[in-house]
Amino acid sequence: MKILNYITKTVWVLSLVSLFTDTASEMLYPIMPIYLKTIGFSIVLIGVLEGFAEALAGLSKGYFGKLSDNSGKRVPFVQLGYSLSAISKPMMAVFIFPLWIFFARAIDRFGKGIRTGARDAILSDEATAESKGKIFGFHRSMDTFGAVLGPIIALIYLYFYPQQYQTLFYIAFIPGVLAVLASFLLKDKIKPHPIEKKPTSFFSFLNYWKTSPQQYRKVVIGLLAFTLFNSSDIFLLLKAKQAGLNDTYVIGVYIFYNLVYALSAFPIGILADKIGLKKMFIFGLSLFAIVYFGMAFSKSLFSISIFFFIYGVYAAATEGISKAWISNISDKKDTATAIGTYSGFQSICTLIASSLAGLIWYQFGPNVTFITTAAVTLLVIIYFSFFIKDKIIKNGTPI
C-alpha cells in the first residue's frame, strides 16, 4: 500500500487515458494492413503511409514538447493530442480515398506528437528522482493493458463478424472518447513564478541538443544507437509465422507479450528505483539480446513463447525506464523538450531500423537480421556499462 501512495490522482487519470487510447489503437493494429489492402492499398503504399505517419509524429514530438515547456502548459497539449487520435479512428472508415486515409492517419500520429512530451512531463512532475521508476512503470503497465484488451476485442468481433473491418473503426472510437473525457479531469499546476513565453519555431527543439546537459546527450546517443537496430515488432511476428505458427497463434503470442509487459512494468519500475535506472535498462538490453539471438534459431511454439515472455520483460525494463532516466538527467523546466526531442529522434531511427532490417532480411535472411541486431545490442550494453554514469540533474547541475 505504501508503494501505491506514490500514485497520485493525476497519475491514475493519465494512466487510464493511455489505457483507453491504447485499447482503441491496438484494436486496429492487427487488421490495419488487411483493411488497407481490401480498399486498394498496395504493400508499397502501406509502407509509404506508415513511414509518413511516423515521421510526422517524430518531428512533432520535439516541437510540441518545446512549446509545452515555453508556454508552461501541459494539460491542453494532452487533451488536444488524445482528441485528435480519437477522431482519426472513425475517419479511416468514412471514406476510402488514399488522400483521405493519409489525412486521417496523419491526424492520429500528429495527436501522438502533440501529447507525448507534455504527458511525460506531467508524470515526471508527479514523481521525485527516487520514484520515477514507479511512476513511469505504473503508467506503462496501464498503457500496455490496452494493448492486451484491444486485440482481444478485435478477435472476438471478427470471430462473429468476419471481414467487417470498417465497423471495428467505429467501435474503436468508443474507448477513444472515454480517453478524451478522462483527460478533462486533469489540471495544470499553478507555477510559483510566471513563465516568460518565447516564440517557438517548428525545429527550435533541435537547439536543445546544443544546450542540454552533457549527460543527456551521452545517454540519448546510446539509446538512439540501440533504436537504429531495434526494428518493428512485426519482424518478430513474421519470424513466428515463418516458424510455422498459424495466424491465431501469432496474434496469441503478441497478446501474451503485451500481457507480460503490462504485468511486469510496475514491479520492474519499483525495483529500478532501488537498484538504479541505468542498471535496470542494461538488464533490459541484455534480455533483448537473448531474445534476438534465440529467435534466429527458434522453430517451435514453446521456444517462441519463451522468447516472447522474455521480450515482454525486456520492454517493461526499458520503455518507461528510458523516459524516467531522461527526466532525471534534464532540468525540470526542460522536461517536455528533453523527452520530446528524444522521442522525435527515436521515431526517425525506428523508421530507419525497420527499413534496414527489411533490407538485411531480403538480402541475407531472417537469421542474419536477428543476429546482427543482437550483436549491436551487446555493443550498446558495453557503452552504457563503461561510459555512462548515473547522475541526476537539479537546477541545471549534476548531483
Protein backbone atom coordinates (compact mmCIF):
# COMPACT_ATOMS: atom_id res chain seq x y z
CA MET A 1 0.00 0.00 0.00
CA LYS A 2 2.90 2.35 0.75
CA ILE A 3 4.10 1.98 -2.84
CA LEU A 4 0.66 2.94 -4.18
CA ASN A 5 0.87 6.20 -2.20
CA TYR A 6 3.23 7.40 -4.93
CA ILE A 7 0.42 7.01 -7.48
CA THR A 8 -1.38 10.35 -7.33
CA LYS A 9 -4.80 11.13 -8.81
CA THR A 10 -3.09 12.77 -11.80
CA VAL A 11 -1.02 9.64 -12.50
CA TRP A 12 -4.15 7.47 -12.25
CA VAL A 13 -6.05 9.69 -14.68
CA LEU A 14 -3.19 9.86 -17.20
CA SER A 15 -2.77 6.08 -16.97
CA LEU A 16 -6.48 5.49 -17.63
CA VAL A 17 -6.36 7.90 -20.58
CA SER A 18 -3.45 5.93 -22.03
CA LEU A 19 -5.19 2.61 -21.38
CA PHE A 20 -8.33 3.69 -23.26
CA THR A 21 -6.31 5.15 -26.14
CA ASP A 22 -4.11 2.09 -26.50
CA THR A 23 -7.19 -0.15 -26.43
CA ALA A 24 -8.56 1.80 -29.39
CA SER A 25 -5.26 1.80 -31.31
CA GLU A 26 -4.35 -1.84 -30.68
CA MET A 27 -7.86 -2.93 -31.61
CA LEU A 28 -7.00 -1.81 -35.14
CA TYR A 29 -3.30 -2.75 -35.22
CA PRO A 30 -3.73 -6.41 -36.28
CA ILE A 31 -6.27 -5.63 -39.01
CA MET A 32 -4.88 -2.32 -40.36
CA PRO A 33 -2.74 -3.85 -43.16
CA ILE A 34 -5.59 -6.21 -44.13
CA TYR A 35 -8.12 -3.37 -44.19
CA LEU A 36 -5.86 -1.14 -46.28
CA LYS A 37 -5.35 -3.93 -48.80
CA THR A 38 -9.12 -4.51 -49.09
CA ILE A 39 -9.65 -0.83 -50.04
CA GLY A 40 -6.96 -0.97 -52.71
CA PHE A 41 -3.68 -0.05 -50.99
CA SER A 42 -0.60 -1.84 -52.29
CA ILE A 43 2.16 -3.05 -49.93
CA VAL A 44 4.35 -0.17 -51.15
CA LEU A 45 1.62 2.41 -50.47
CA ILE A 46 1.03 0.96 -46.99
CA GLY A 47 4.76 1.34 -46.29
CA VAL A 48 4.75 4.93 -47.54
CA LEU A 49 1.68 5.70 -45.40
CA GLU A 50 3.22 4.31 -42.21
CA GLY A 51 6.57 5.96 -42.91
CA PHE A 52 4.92 9.32 -43.49
CA ALA A 53 2.79 8.99 -40.35
CA GLU A 54 5.70 8.02 -38.10
CA ALA A 55 7.96 10.76 -39.49
CA LEU A 56 5.23 13.33 -38.77
CA ALA A 57 4.80 12.02 -35.23
CA GLY A 58 8.55 12.02 -34.66
CA LEU A 59 9.18 15.59 -35.79
CA SER A 60 6.14 16.98 -33.97
CA LYS A 61 7.08 15.39 -30.61
CA GLY A 62 10.12 17.63 -30.27
CA TYR A 63 8.31 20.79 -31.36
CA PHE A 64 5.29 20.35 -29.09
CA GLY A 65 7.49 19.31 -26.17
CA LYS A 66 9.40 22.57 -26.58
CA LEU A 67 6.14 24.51 -26.98
CA SER A 68 4.78 22.96 -23.78
CA ASP A 69 7.90 23.98 -21.80
CA ASN A 70 7.86 27.50 -23.26
CA SER A 71 4.16 28.01 -22.54
CA GLY A 72 4.26 26.47 -19.06
CA LYS A 73 1.17 24.43 -20.00
CA ARG A 74 0.81 20.64 -20.12
CA VAL A 75 -2.86 19.65 -19.98
CA PRO A 76 -4.08 21.43 -23.18
CA PHE A 77 -1.47 19.52 -25.20
CA VAL A 78 -2.57 16.23 -23.63
CA GLN A 79 -6.26 16.92 -24.27
CA LEU A 80 -5.78 18.04 -27.87
CA GLY A 81 -3.40 15.17 -28.66
CA TYR A 82 -5.73 12.46 -27.39
CA SER A 83 -8.75 14.14 -29.03
CA LEU A 84 -7.11 14.06 -32.47
CA SER A 85 -6.21 10.38 -32.06
CA ALA A 86 -9.80 9.54 -31.08
CA ILE A 87 -11.29 11.44 -34.03
CA SER A 88 -8.95 9.74 -36.51
CA LYS A 89 -10.40 6.25 -35.84
CA PRO A 90 -13.85 6.66 -37.48
CA MET A 91 -12.33 8.92 -40.14
CA MET A 92 -10.45 5.90 -41.51
CA ALA A 93 -13.78 4.20 -42.25
CA VAL A 94 -15.89 7.12 -43.52
CA PHE A 95 -14.09 7.45 -46.87
CA ILE A 96 -11.57 5.15 -48.56
CA PHE A 97 -9.79 7.60 -50.87
CA PRO A 98 -5.99 7.32 -50.46
CA LEU A 99 -5.53 11.04 -49.73
CA TRP A 100 -8.26 10.89 -47.06
CA ILE A 101 -6.65 7.81 -45.46
CA PHE A 102 -3.30 9.65 -45.42
CA PHE A 103 -5.01 12.64 -43.80
CA ALA A 104 -6.74 10.51 -41.12
CA ARG A 105 -3.55 8.60 -40.30
CA ALA A 106 -1.61 11.86 -40.14
CA ILE A 107 -4.11 13.28 -37.63
CA ASP A 108 -3.66 10.19 -35.42
CA ARG A 109 0.15 10.45 -35.42
CA PHE A 110 0.05 14.24 -35.11
CA GLY A 111 -2.04 13.78 -31.97
CA LYS A 112 0.64 11.48 -30.56
CA GLY A 113 3.27 14.09 -31.33
CA ILE A 114 1.31 16.82 -29.57
CA ARG A 115 0.72 14.90 -26.34
CA THR A 116 3.86 12.82 -25.75
CA GLY A 117 6.27 15.39 -24.29
CA ALA A 118 3.64 17.15 -22.18
CA ARG A 119 2.20 13.88 -20.84
CA ASP A 120 5.60 12.51 -19.81
CA ALA A 121 6.48 15.87 -18.23
CA ILE A 122 3.34 15.64 -16.08
CA LEU A 123 4.36 12.14 -14.98
CA SER A 124 7.84 13.41 -14.15
CA ASP A 125 6.41 16.31 -12.13
CA GLU A 126 4.31 13.85 -10.11
CA ALA A 127 7.43 11.93 -9.05
CA THR A 128 10.65 12.51 -7.17
CA ALA A 129 14.04 11.40 -8.51
CA GLU A 130 13.69 8.32 -6.28
CA SER A 131 10.20 7.34 -7.52
CA LYS A 132 10.50 7.92 -11.28
CA GLY A 133 10.70 4.17 -11.98
CA LYS A 134 7.47 3.52 -10.06
CA ILE A 135 5.52 6.33 -11.74
CA PHE A 136 6.62 5.64 -15.30
CA GLY A 137 6.37 1.88 -14.70
CA PHE A 138 2.80 2.14 -13.43
CA HIS A 139 1.82 4.27 -16.43
CA ARG A 140 3.42 1.78 -18.84
CA SER A 141 1.56 -1.09 -17.15
CA MET A 142 -1.81 0.61 -17.57
CA ASP A 143 -0.98 1.75 -21.11
CA THR A 144 0.03 -1.76 -22.17
CA PHE A 145 -3.09 -3.38 -20.73
CA GLY A 146 -4.79 -1.53 -23.56
CA ALA A 147 -2.56 -3.45 -25.97
CA VAL A 148 -3.96 -6.64 -24.41
CA LEU A 149 -7.63 -5.59 -24.42
CA GLY A 150 -7.61 -4.10 -27.93
CA PRO A 151 -6.56 -7.21 -29.92
CA ILE A 152 -8.82 -9.43 -27.77
CA ILE A 153 -11.83 -7.22 -28.60
CA ALA A 154 -10.86 -7.28 -32.28
CA LEU A 155 -10.53 -11.09 -32.29
CA ILE A 156 -13.93 -11.57 -30.61
CA TYR A 157 -15.61 -9.12 -33.00
CA LEU A 158 -14.06 -10.66 -36.13
CA TYR A 159 -15.00 -14.14 -34.94
CA PHE A 160 -18.68 -13.17 -35.08
CA TYR A 161 -18.41 -10.66 -37.95
CA PRO A 162 -15.54 -11.81 -40.20
CA GLN A 163 -14.11 -9.28 -42.67
CA GLN A 164 -16.38 -6.46 -41.44
CA TYR A 165 -13.40 -4.23 -40.75
CA GLN A 166 -15.00 -0.81 -41.15
CA THR A 167 -17.34 -1.28 -38.19
CA LEU A 168 -14.31 -2.01 -36.00
CA PHE A 169 -13.02 1.52 -36.66
CA TYR A 170 -16.30 2.93 -35.30
CA ILE A 171 -16.11 0.63 -32.25
CA ALA A 172 -12.55 1.86 -31.60
CA PHE A 173 -13.96 5.39 -31.36
CA ILE A 174 -15.69 4.45 -28.06
CA PRO A 175 -12.55 3.91 -25.90
CA GLY A 176 -11.04 6.91 -27.74
CA VAL A 177 -13.88 9.12 -26.49
CA LEU A 178 -13.53 7.70 -22.96
CA ALA A 179 -9.85 8.71 -23.04
CA VAL A 180 -10.73 12.28 -24.05
CA LEU A 181 -13.41 12.56 -21.35
CA ALA A 182 -10.97 11.28 -18.71
CA SER A 183 -8.35 13.83 -19.83
CA PHE A 184 -10.68 16.65 -18.74
CA LEU A 185 -10.13 15.56 -15.13
CA LEU A 186 -6.55 16.82 -15.42
CA LYS A 187 -5.50 20.29 -14.30
CA ASP A 188 -2.26 22.19 -14.77
CA LYS A 189 -0.36 23.02 -11.61
CA ILE A 190 -0.07 26.70 -10.79
CA LYS A 191 3.51 27.82 -11.34
CA PRO A 192 5.12 29.76 -8.46
CA HIS A 193 6.67 32.18 -10.96
CA PRO A 194 5.16 33.28 -14.26
CA ILE A 195 6.69 31.66 -17.35
CA GLU A 196 8.20 34.00 -19.90
CA LYS A 197 6.59 32.95 -23.18
CA LYS A 198 9.00 32.60 -26.09
CA PRO A 199 8.39 32.20 -29.83
CA THR A 200 8.81 28.57 -30.89
CA SER A 201 9.65 27.58 -34.46
CA PHE A 202 8.97 24.03 -35.63
CA PHE A 203 12.62 22.94 -35.48
CA SER A 204 13.60 25.05 -32.46
CA PHE A 205 13.70 21.92 -30.30
CA LEU A 206 16.88 20.92 -32.16
CA ASN A 207 18.67 23.78 -30.38
CA TYR A 208 18.10 21.88 -27.13
CA TRP A 209 20.68 19.34 -28.23
CA LYS A 210 23.35 22.07 -28.08
CA THR A 211 22.26 23.45 -24.71
CA SER A 212 21.28 20.18 -22.99
CA PRO A 213 23.41 18.65 -20.22
CA GLN A 214 26.32 16.55 -21.47
CA GLN A 215 24.93 13.54 -19.61
CA TYR A 216 21.66 13.84 -21.56
CA ARG A 217 23.48 13.82 -24.89
CA LYS A 218 25.63 10.82 -23.93
CA VAL A 219 22.62 8.78 -22.77
CA VAL A 220 20.47 9.69 -25.79
CA ILE A 221 23.29 8.78 -28.21
CA GLY A 222 23.35 5.28 -26.68
CA LEU A 223 19.55 5.00 -26.76
CA LEU A 224 19.41 6.05 -30.41
CA ALA A 225 22.24 3.70 -31.41
CA PHE A 226 20.14 0.86 -29.98
CA THR A 227 16.99 2.14 -31.70
CA LEU A 228 18.74 2.18 -35.09
CA PHE A 229 18.89 -1.62 -34.95
CA ASN A 230 15.70 -2.27 -32.97
CA SER A 231 13.26 -2.91 -35.80
CA SER A 232 9.47 -3.15 -35.59
CA ASP A 233 7.87 -5.99 -33.60
CA ILE A 234 6.34 -7.02 -36.91
CA PHE A 235 9.64 -8.76 -37.77
CA LEU A 236 9.36 -10.94 -34.66
CA LEU A 237 5.79 -11.82 -35.63
CA LEU A 238 6.92 -12.59 -39.18
CA LYS A 239 9.60 -14.90 -37.77
CA ALA A 240 6.96 -16.64 -35.64
CA LYS A 241 4.79 -17.05 -38.75
CA GLN A 242 7.76 -18.38 -40.72
CA ALA A 243 8.46 -20.92 -37.96
CA GLY A 244 5.05 -22.49 -38.72
CA LEU A 245 2.65 -20.75 -36.32
CA ASN A 246 -0.79 -20.05 -37.77
CA ASP A 247 -2.45 -16.62 -37.63
CA THR A 248 -4.28 -17.35 -34.36
CA TYR A 249 -1.05 -18.36 -32.60
CA VAL A 250 0.80 -15.34 -34.00
CA ILE A 251 -1.84 -12.94 -32.63
CA GLY A 252 -1.88 -15.02 -29.44
CA VAL A 253 1.85 -14.64 -28.78
CA TYR A 254 1.52 -10.89 -29.47
CA ILE A 255 -1.22 -10.61 -26.84
CA PHE A 256 0.86 -12.81 -24.49
CA TYR A 257 3.87 -10.50 -24.93
CA ASN A 258 1.77 -7.42 -24.10
CA LEU A 259 0.26 -9.13 -21.07
CA VAL A 260 3.72 -9.96 -19.70
CA TYR A 261 4.80 -6.38 -20.43
CA ALA A 262 1.76 -4.93 -18.66
CA LEU A 263 2.08 -7.15 -15.58
CA SER A 264 5.83 -6.58 -15.13
CA ALA A 265 6.26 -2.85 -15.92
CA PHE A 266 5.13 -1.60 -12.49
CA PRO A 267 7.10 -4.08 -10.32
CA ILE A 268 10.15 -3.55 -12.53
CA GLY A 269 9.75 0.21 -12.05
CA ILE A 270 9.72 -0.31 -8.27
CA LEU A 271 12.88 -2.43 -8.49
CA ALA A 272 14.55 0.13 -10.80
CA ASP A 273 14.17 2.82 -8.13
CA LYS A 274 16.06 0.55 -5.72
CA ILE A 275 18.92 -0.63 -7.93
CA GLY A 276 19.15 2.35 -10.30
CA LEU A 277 17.55 3.18 -13.65
CA LYS A 278 20.78 2.60 -15.58
CA LYS A 279 21.26 -0.93 -14.19
CA MET A 280 17.66 -1.82 -14.98
CA PHE A 281 17.95 -0.50 -18.52
CA ILE A 282 21.13 -2.53 -19.12
CA PHE A 283 19.33 -5.61 -17.75
CA GLY A 284 16.54 -4.97 -20.27
CA LEU A 285 19.02 -4.69 -23.14
CA SER A 286 20.60 -7.99 -22.08
CA LEU A 287 17.18 -9.68 -22.30
CA PHE A 288 16.66 -8.13 -25.74
CA ALA A 289 19.96 -9.59 -26.98
CA ILE A 290 18.96 -13.03 -25.65
CA VAL A 291 15.61 -12.83 -27.45
CA TYR A 292 17.12 -11.84 -30.80
CA PHE A 293 19.87 -14.45 -30.65
CA GLY A 294 17.29 -17.06 -29.65
CA MET A 295 14.64 -16.11 -32.24
CA ALA A 296 17.21 -16.57 -35.00
CA PHE A 297 17.09 -20.32 -34.32
CA SER A 298 13.59 -20.84 -32.85
CA LYS A 299 11.29 -23.25 -34.66
CA SER A 300 8.80 -24.46 -32.01
CA LEU A 301 5.79 -22.83 -30.37
CA PHE A 302 7.31 -23.50 -26.93
CA SER A 303 10.63 -21.73 -27.63
CA ILE A 304 8.92 -18.82 -29.39
CA SER A 305 6.54 -18.42 -26.43
CA ILE A 306 9.51 -18.37 -24.02
CA PHE A 307 11.26 -15.68 -26.04
CA PHE A 308 8.09 -13.57 -26.28
CA PHE A 309 7.79 -13.85 -22.48
CA ILE A 310 11.37 -12.59 -22.11
CA TYR A 311 10.62 -9.90 -24.70
CA GLY A 312 7.73 -8.65 -22.56
CA VAL A 313 10.06 -8.32 -19.54
CA TYR A 314 12.62 -6.52 -21.76
CA ALA A 315 10.01 -3.96 -22.84
CA ALA A 316 8.98 -3.39 -19.21
CA ALA A 317 12.64 -2.85 -18.25
CA THR A 318 13.35 -0.28 -20.97
CA GLU A 319 10.34 1.64 -22.34
CA GLY A 320 9.22 3.59 -19.27
CA ILE A 321 12.64 3.34 -17.65
CA SER A 322 14.34 5.22 -20.51
CA LYS A 323 11.95 8.18 -20.14
CA ALA A 324 12.29 8.14 -16.35
CA TRP A 325 16.08 8.20 -16.81
CA ILE A 326 15.92 11.11 -19.27
CA SER A 327 13.69 13.11 -16.92
CA ASN A 328 16.34 12.64 -14.18
CA ILE A 329 19.19 13.93 -16.36
CA SER A 330 17.45 17.03 -17.73
CA ASP A 331 16.44 20.22 -15.99
CA LYS A 332 12.85 20.23 -14.72
CA LYS A 333 11.94 23.27 -16.82
CA ASP A 334 13.01 21.40 -19.97
CA THR A 335 11.44 18.00 -19.24
CA ALA A 336 8.92 18.03 -22.12
CA THR A 337 11.58 19.30 -24.53
CA ALA A 338 14.09 16.66 -23.40
CA ILE A 339 11.64 13.76 -23.71
CA GLY A 340 10.04 15.17 -26.86
CA THR A 341 13.41 15.64 -28.56
CA TYR A 342 14.48 12.09 -27.67
CA SER A 343 11.10 10.64 -28.74
CA GLY A 344 11.31 12.54 -32.03
CA PHE A 345 14.77 11.24 -32.87
CA GLN A 346 13.66 7.79 -31.70
CA SER A 347 10.75 7.76 -34.18
CA ILE A 348 13.05 8.64 -37.07
CA CYS A 349 15.60 6.00 -36.00
CA THR A 350 12.81 3.41 -35.71
CA LEU A 351 11.85 4.13 -39.32
CA ILE A 352 15.44 3.63 -40.45
CA ALA A 353 15.75 0.48 -38.30
CA SER A 354 12.74 -1.21 -39.89
CA SER A 355 13.94 -0.31 -43.39
CA LEU A 356 17.43 -1.63 -42.55
CA ALA A 357 16.03 -4.83 -41.04
CA GLY A 358 13.85 -5.37 -44.11
CA LEU A 359 16.84 -4.92 -46.39
CA ILE A 360 19.03 -7.35 -44.40
CA TRP A 361 16.14 -9.85 -44.23
CA TYR A 362 15.66 -9.62 -48.02
CA GLN A 363 19.38 -9.95 -48.83
CA PHE A 364 20.60 -12.41 -46.20
CA GLY A 365 17.54 -13.91 -44.49
CA PRO A 366 15.92 -13.56 -41.02
CA ASN A 367 18.71 -15.29 -39.07
CA VAL A 368 21.30 -12.69 -40.11
CA THR A 369 18.79 -9.92 -39.30
CA PHE A 370 18.28 -11.12 -35.72
CA ILE A 371 21.93 -11.97 -35.06
CA THR A 372 23.08 -8.55 -36.35
CA THR A 373 20.60 -6.77 -34.08
CA ALA A 374 21.67 -8.83 -31.06
CA ALA A 375 25.37 -8.20 -31.74
CA VAL A 376 24.87 -4.42 -31.97
CA THR A 377 22.86 -4.55 -28.72
CA LEU A 378 25.86 -6.11 -26.96
CA LEU A 379 27.98 -3.15 -28.11
CA VAL A 380 25.37 -0.73 -26.73
CA ILE A 381 25.40 -2.61 -23.39
CA ILE A 382 29.19 -2.15 -23.23
CA TYR A 383 28.76 1.57 -24.00
CA PHE A 384 26.24 2.10 -21.19
CA SER A 385 28.19 -0.06 -18.74
CA PHE A 386 31.56 1.67 -19.10
CA PHE A 387 30.91 5.16 -20.50
CA ILE A 388 27.72 6.34 -18.77
CA LYS A 389 27.43 7.21 -15.08
CA ASP A 390 24.23 7.54 -13.06
CA LYS A 391 23.58 11.23 -12.45
CA ILE A 392 20.61 13.40 -11.59
CA ILE A 393 20.28 16.99 -12.85
CA LYS A 394 18.93 19.53 -10.38
CA ASN A 395 18.64 23.24 -11.29
CA GLY A 396 20.89 22.58 -14.28
CA THR A 397 23.66 20.96 -12.20
CA PRO A 398 24.59 17.24 -12.00
CA ILE A 399 24.37 15.80 -8.45
